Protein backbone atom coordinates (compact mmCIF):
# COMPACT_ATOMS: atom_id res chain seq x y z
CA UNK A 1 53.04 -30.62 31.49
CA UNK A 2 50.91 -33.78 31.39
CA UNK A 3 50.92 -33.65 27.62
CA UNK A 4 54.71 -33.61 27.56
CA UNK A 5 54.91 -36.65 29.88
CA UNK A 6 52.46 -38.56 27.73
CA UNK A 7 54.45 -37.65 24.65
CA UNK A 8 57.65 -39.07 26.15
CA UNK A 9 55.86 -42.24 27.30
CA UNK A 10 54.45 -42.64 23.80
CA UNK A 11 57.90 -42.34 22.26
CA UNK A 12 59.34 -44.98 24.63
CA UNK A 13 56.49 -47.38 23.88
CA UNK A 14 57.00 -46.92 20.14
CA UNK A 15 60.69 -47.77 20.48
CA UNK A 16 59.90 -50.88 22.54
CA UNK A 17 57.23 -51.90 20.06
CA UNK A 18 59.69 -51.69 17.17
CA UNK A 19 62.30 -53.72 19.12
CA UNK A 20 59.87 -56.45 20.10
CA UNK A 21 58.59 -56.76 16.55
CA UNK A 22 62.12 -57.46 15.40
CA UNK A 23 62.33 -60.41 17.77
CA UNK A 24 60.92 -63.71 16.49
CA UNK A 25 59.43 -64.72 19.75
CA UNK A 26 55.88 -65.57 20.95
CA UNK A 27 56.33 -63.55 24.11
CA UNK A 28 57.62 -60.67 22.06
CA UNK A 29 54.52 -60.84 19.86
CA UNK A 30 52.27 -60.84 22.92
CA UNK A 31 54.13 -57.85 24.30
CA UNK A 32 53.67 -56.09 20.93
CA UNK A 33 49.92 -56.64 21.08
CA UNK A 34 49.80 -55.24 24.61
CA UNK A 35 51.90 -52.26 23.55
CA UNK A 36 49.59 -51.64 20.54
CA UNK A 37 46.57 -51.52 22.82
CA UNK A 38 48.40 -49.30 25.25
CA UNK A 39 49.39 -46.90 22.49
CA UNK A 40 45.81 -46.74 21.20
CA UNK A 41 44.51 -46.19 24.72
CA UNK A 42 47.02 -43.42 25.38
CA UNK A 43 46.21 -41.76 22.03
CA UNK A 44 42.45 -41.86 22.72
CA UNK A 45 43.00 -40.51 26.21
CA UNK A 46 44.99 -37.63 24.75
CA UNK A 47 42.27 -36.85 22.23
CA UNK A 48 39.55 -36.94 24.88
CA UNK A 49 41.58 -34.78 27.23
CA UNK A 50 42.26 -32.23 24.51
CA UNK A 51 38.57 -32.13 23.63
CA UNK A 52 37.56 -31.72 27.28
CA UNK A 53 40.05 -28.94 27.75
CA UNK A 54 38.75 -27.00 24.74
CA UNK A 55 35.13 -27.62 25.66
CA UNK A 56 35.72 -26.43 29.20
CA UNK A 57 37.37 -23.30 27.87
CA UNK A 58 34.37 -22.48 25.62
CA UNK A 59 32.02 -23.26 28.45
CA UNK A 60 33.97 -20.92 30.67
CA UNK A 61 33.71 -18.12 28.08
CA UNK A 62 29.95 -18.63 27.86
CA UNK A 63 29.64 -18.56 31.63
CA UNK A 64 31.75 -15.43 31.85
CA UNK A 65 29.63 -13.67 29.23
CA UNK A 66 26.42 -14.72 30.98
CA UNK A 67 27.76 -13.47 34.31
CA UNK A 68 28.74 -10.17 32.66
CA UNK A 69 25.25 -9.73 31.22
CA UNK A 70 23.63 -10.63 34.54
CA UNK A 71 25.90 -8.18 36.32
CA UNK A 72 25.10 -5.33 33.88
CA UNK A 73 21.35 -6.06 33.50
CA UNK A 74 20.27 -4.05 36.58
CA UNK A 75 22.19 -1.02 35.32
CA UNK A 76 20.61 -1.33 31.87
CA UNK A 77 17.14 -1.63 33.38
CA UNK A 78 17.84 1.38 35.59
CA UNK A 79 18.80 3.47 32.53
CA UNK A 80 15.62 2.37 30.76
CA UNK A 81 13.55 3.38 33.78
CA UNK A 82 15.20 6.84 33.84
CA UNK A 83 14.55 7.31 30.10
CA UNK A 84 10.90 6.27 30.49
CA UNK A 85 10.47 8.67 33.39
CA UNK A 86 11.85 11.55 31.29
CA UNK A 87 9.50 10.69 28.42
CA UNK A 88 6.59 10.50 30.86
CA UNK A 89 7.47 13.96 32.17
CA UNK A 90 7.67 15.37 28.61
CA UNK A 91 4.28 13.82 27.75
CA UNK A 92 2.71 15.29 30.89
CA UNK A 93 4.04 18.75 29.98
CA UNK A 94 2.69 18.41 26.43
CA UNK A 95 -0.69 17.30 27.81
CA UNK A 96 -0.75 20.30 30.14
CA UNK A 97 -0.01 22.64 27.23
CA UNK A 98 -2.83 21.05 25.22
CA UNK A 99 -5.21 21.61 28.12
CA UNK A 100 -4.19 25.27 28.30
CA UNK A 101 -4.64 25.70 24.52
CA UNK A 102 -8.04 24.01 24.79
CA UNK A 103 -9.07 26.46 27.50
CA UNK A 104 -7.90 29.45 25.40
CA UNK A 105 -9.83 28.20 22.36
CA UNK A 106 -12.91 27.66 24.49
CA UNK A 107 -12.72 31.27 25.73
CA UNK A 108 -12.26 32.57 22.16
CA UNK A 109 -15.24 30.51 21.04
CA UNK A 110 -17.39 32.10 23.75
CA UNK A 111 -16.19 35.58 22.74
CA UNK A 112 -17.01 34.87 19.08
CA UNK A 113 -20.48 33.66 20.04
CA UNK A 114 -21.08 36.85 22.04
CA UNK A 115 -19.76 39.00 19.16
CA UNK A 116 -21.98 37.15 16.71
CA UNK A 117 -25.01 37.73 18.92
CA UNK A 118 -24.13 41.41 19.20
CA UNK A 119 -23.82 41.83 15.42
CA UNK A 120 -27.01 39.84 14.88
CA UNK A 121 -28.90 42.18 17.17
CA UNK A 122 -27.28 45.21 15.47
CA UNK A 123 -28.30 43.93 12.04
CA UNK A 124 -31.83 43.35 13.28
CA UNK A 125 -31.96 46.93 14.61
CA UNK A 126 -30.72 48.29 11.29
CA UNK A 127 -33.32 46.28 9.41
CA UNK A 128 -36.05 47.62 11.66
CA UNK A 129 -34.71 51.15 11.15
CA UNK A 130 -34.76 50.75 7.37
CA UNK A 131 -38.33 49.42 7.51
CA UNK A 132 -39.44 52.47 9.49
CA UNK A 133 -38.14 54.92 6.88
CA UNK A 134 -40.98 56.52 4.97
CA UNK A 135 -41.31 56.30 1.22
CA UNK A 136 -40.64 60.04 0.88
CA UNK A 137 -37.39 59.78 2.83
CA UNK A 138 -36.25 56.89 0.62
CA UNK A 139 -37.18 58.91 -2.45
CA UNK A 140 -35.13 61.87 -1.24
CA UNK A 141 -32.13 59.61 -0.61
CA UNK A 142 -32.44 58.07 -4.07
CA UNK A 143 -32.78 61.48 -5.73
CA UNK A 144 -29.52 62.58 -4.13
CA UNK A 145 -27.65 59.79 -5.91
CA UNK A 146 -26.19 60.99 -9.25
CA UNK A 147 -27.74 59.31 -12.25
CA UNK A 148 -25.16 57.26 -14.12
CA UNK A 149 -27.49 57.14 -17.10
CA UNK A 150 -27.50 60.93 -17.37
CA UNK A 151 -23.71 60.95 -17.02
CA UNK A 152 -23.41 58.45 -19.85
CA UNK A 153 -25.72 60.55 -22.01
CA UNK A 154 -23.69 63.68 -21.30
CA UNK A 155 -20.47 61.79 -22.06
CA UNK A 156 -22.04 60.51 -25.27
CA UNK A 157 -23.01 64.03 -26.27
CA UNK A 158 -19.53 65.26 -25.51
CA UNK A 159 -18.09 62.47 -27.68
CA UNK A 160 -20.07 63.68 -30.72
CA UNK A 161 -18.46 66.01 -33.27
CA UNK A 162 -19.95 67.54 -36.40
CA UNK A 163 -18.41 68.06 -39.82
CA UNK A 164 -19.10 69.38 -43.33
CA UNK A 165 -18.31 67.52 -46.58
CA UNK A 166 -15.17 67.92 -48.66
CA UNK A 167 -15.18 68.26 -52.43
CA UNK A 168 -12.80 65.29 -52.75
CA UNK A 169 -14.78 63.01 -50.43
CA UNK A 170 -11.61 61.98 -48.55
CA UNK A 171 -11.68 64.39 -45.60
CA UNK A 172 -14.31 65.45 -43.09
CA UNK A 173 -13.72 69.19 -42.72
CA UNK A 174 -14.77 72.03 -40.41
CA UNK A 175 -14.95 69.82 -37.34
CA UNK A 176 -17.10 71.37 -34.59
CA UNK A 177 -18.35 70.18 -31.17
CA UNK A 178 -21.78 71.69 -32.02
CA UNK A 179 -24.06 71.12 -34.95
CA UNK A 180 -24.07 74.07 -37.36
CA UNK A 181 -26.36 75.11 -40.18
CA UNK A 182 -24.22 73.27 -42.75
CA UNK A 183 -23.27 70.21 -40.75
CA UNK A 184 -23.73 67.04 -42.83
CA UNK A 185 -22.00 64.43 -40.68
CA UNK A 186 -22.18 63.51 -37.01
CA UNK A 187 -18.95 61.90 -35.75
CA UNK A 188 -19.09 59.35 -32.92
CA UNK A 189 -15.56 59.29 -31.52
CA UNK A 190 -14.52 55.76 -30.49
CA UNK A 191 -11.03 56.73 -29.33
CA UNK A 192 -8.41 59.35 -30.04
CA UNK A 193 -7.72 57.93 -33.53
CA UNK A 194 -10.96 56.37 -34.83
CA UNK A 195 -14.56 57.52 -35.24
CA UNK A 196 -17.79 56.44 -36.89
CA UNK A 197 -19.68 59.06 -38.94
CA UNK A 198 -23.37 59.29 -39.84
CA UNK A 199 -25.29 61.50 -42.28
CA UNK A 200 -27.60 64.09 -40.68
CA UNK A 201 -31.03 65.29 -41.68
CA UNK A 202 -31.43 69.04 -41.10
CA UNK A 203 -32.28 72.26 -42.96
CA UNK A 204 -29.29 71.79 -45.28
CA UNK A 205 -30.40 68.29 -46.36
CA UNK A 206 -32.22 69.42 -49.58
CA UNK A 207 -29.13 71.37 -50.67
CA UNK A 208 -26.84 68.39 -50.15
CA UNK A 209 -29.30 66.07 -51.96
CA UNK A 210 -29.38 68.34 -54.97
CA UNK A 211 -25.56 68.54 -55.04
CA UNK A 212 -24.98 64.93 -54.06
CA UNK A 213 -22.46 64.32 -56.87
CA UNK A 214 -20.11 66.69 -55.03
CA UNK A 215 -21.23 66.82 -51.41
CA UNK A 216 -21.80 63.07 -50.85
CA UNK A 217 -18.50 61.70 -52.15
CA UNK A 218 -17.75 60.36 -48.64
CA UNK A 219 -20.87 58.20 -48.90
CA UNK A 220 -21.92 55.15 -50.87
CA UNK A 221 -25.46 55.69 -52.13
CA UNK A 222 -27.26 52.37 -52.33
CA UNK A 223 -30.71 53.69 -53.31
CA UNK A 224 -32.25 56.93 -54.57
CA UNK A 225 -36.00 57.51 -54.52
CA UNK A 226 -37.89 59.86 -56.87
CA UNK A 227 -38.10 63.36 -55.43
CA UNK A 228 -36.01 62.52 -52.33
CA UNK A 229 -36.15 64.69 -49.23
CA UNK A 230 -34.12 62.89 -46.57
CA UNK A 231 -31.25 60.53 -45.84
CA UNK A 232 -31.55 57.07 -44.35
CA UNK A 233 -28.45 55.51 -42.82
CA UNK A 234 -27.72 51.94 -43.87
CA UNK A 235 -24.24 51.66 -42.34
CA UNK A 236 -21.97 54.16 -40.62
CA UNK A 237 -18.69 55.16 -42.22
CA UNK A 238 -15.25 55.03 -40.59
CA UNK A 239 -12.67 57.80 -40.37
CA UNK A 240 -9.16 57.91 -38.90
CA UNK A 241 -7.50 60.98 -37.41
CA UNK A 242 -4.24 62.05 -39.03
CA UNK A 243 -2.77 65.13 -37.35
CA UNK A 244 -5.87 67.38 -37.17
CA UNK A 245 -7.71 65.85 -40.13
CA UNK A 246 -10.24 63.02 -40.11
CA UNK A 247 -9.50 60.84 -43.17
CA UNK A 248 -12.34 58.76 -44.56
CA UNK A 249 -11.37 55.07 -44.57
CA UNK A 250 -14.77 53.49 -45.25
CA UNK A 251 -17.65 55.47 -46.79
CA UNK A 252 -21.02 55.56 -45.07
CA UNK A 253 -23.79 53.62 -46.82
CA UNK A 254 -27.01 55.63 -47.19
CA UNK A 255 -30.35 55.74 -48.95
CA UNK A 256 -31.76 58.97 -50.34
CA UNK A 257 -35.52 58.73 -49.90
C-alpha cells in the first residue's frame, strides 16, 4: 500500500516539475530544484525500503530454518542414541559368542593333548614290546611272509616257453612250456604278442651246430670257431605272435664257439 502511495506522489511531483520548468521564473526554477531533490530522495527511500524488505524476508527464512533444525535436533540425537545402543547390544552378543567359542576350543585343545599323551604312551608300550621279542620269534614272523623274490622267479619261469627250429627260419615251431630234448630256443614272453628268444645249449647242441645251415636260419651267426661245441648269445632275437605261430621279426645274434 505504501508503495502505491509513493508512486502516486512521485507522479504528481513529476507533473509539477514539468509545469514549473515551462515557466520562465526564478521562483519556478527554485521550486524545480527542490522538486528534483525531493524526487531523488523519494526514489532512494523506495530503493532502500525495497532492499530492507527483501533482506528481512531472507533473514526470516534463515531464522525459520535454524529454528526448524534446533527443534528437530533432539529427535535426531535420540535416534542416533537408539542406533548406537542397538549396535552396542549386537557387539556384546558377538563378544559373548566369541567367548563361548574360545571356551569350546580350549576344551578341545585339552582333549587333544590328553589323546596325544595316550597315543604317546601306547607307542612307547608297543616299542618296548617289540624290543622284548626274541630273535627266534622275529625270525619265525619273517619266515611266514611270502617271498616276493621267489614269486618273481616262479612267474619268470612260467613266462618262459621253448621251441624247435623251422627249416625256413621264419617260424619258431613246437612251442612247449617245458624244455624238451630237441628244444633249441628259449622264449621270454614280454606280453601276449611279443617275445624275445635265446639259443640254448643242451644235448642237441652238437646236432644243431653240424646242421646249422638249416637249423639256425632264425639266427645271425657273427662268429664260428674251429671245432665248435656251444652257442654264445650276442643279442636276443624278437618274435611276434600271429594266431598260434611265433613269427621271427629279428634274428638272434650268436657265436658258435
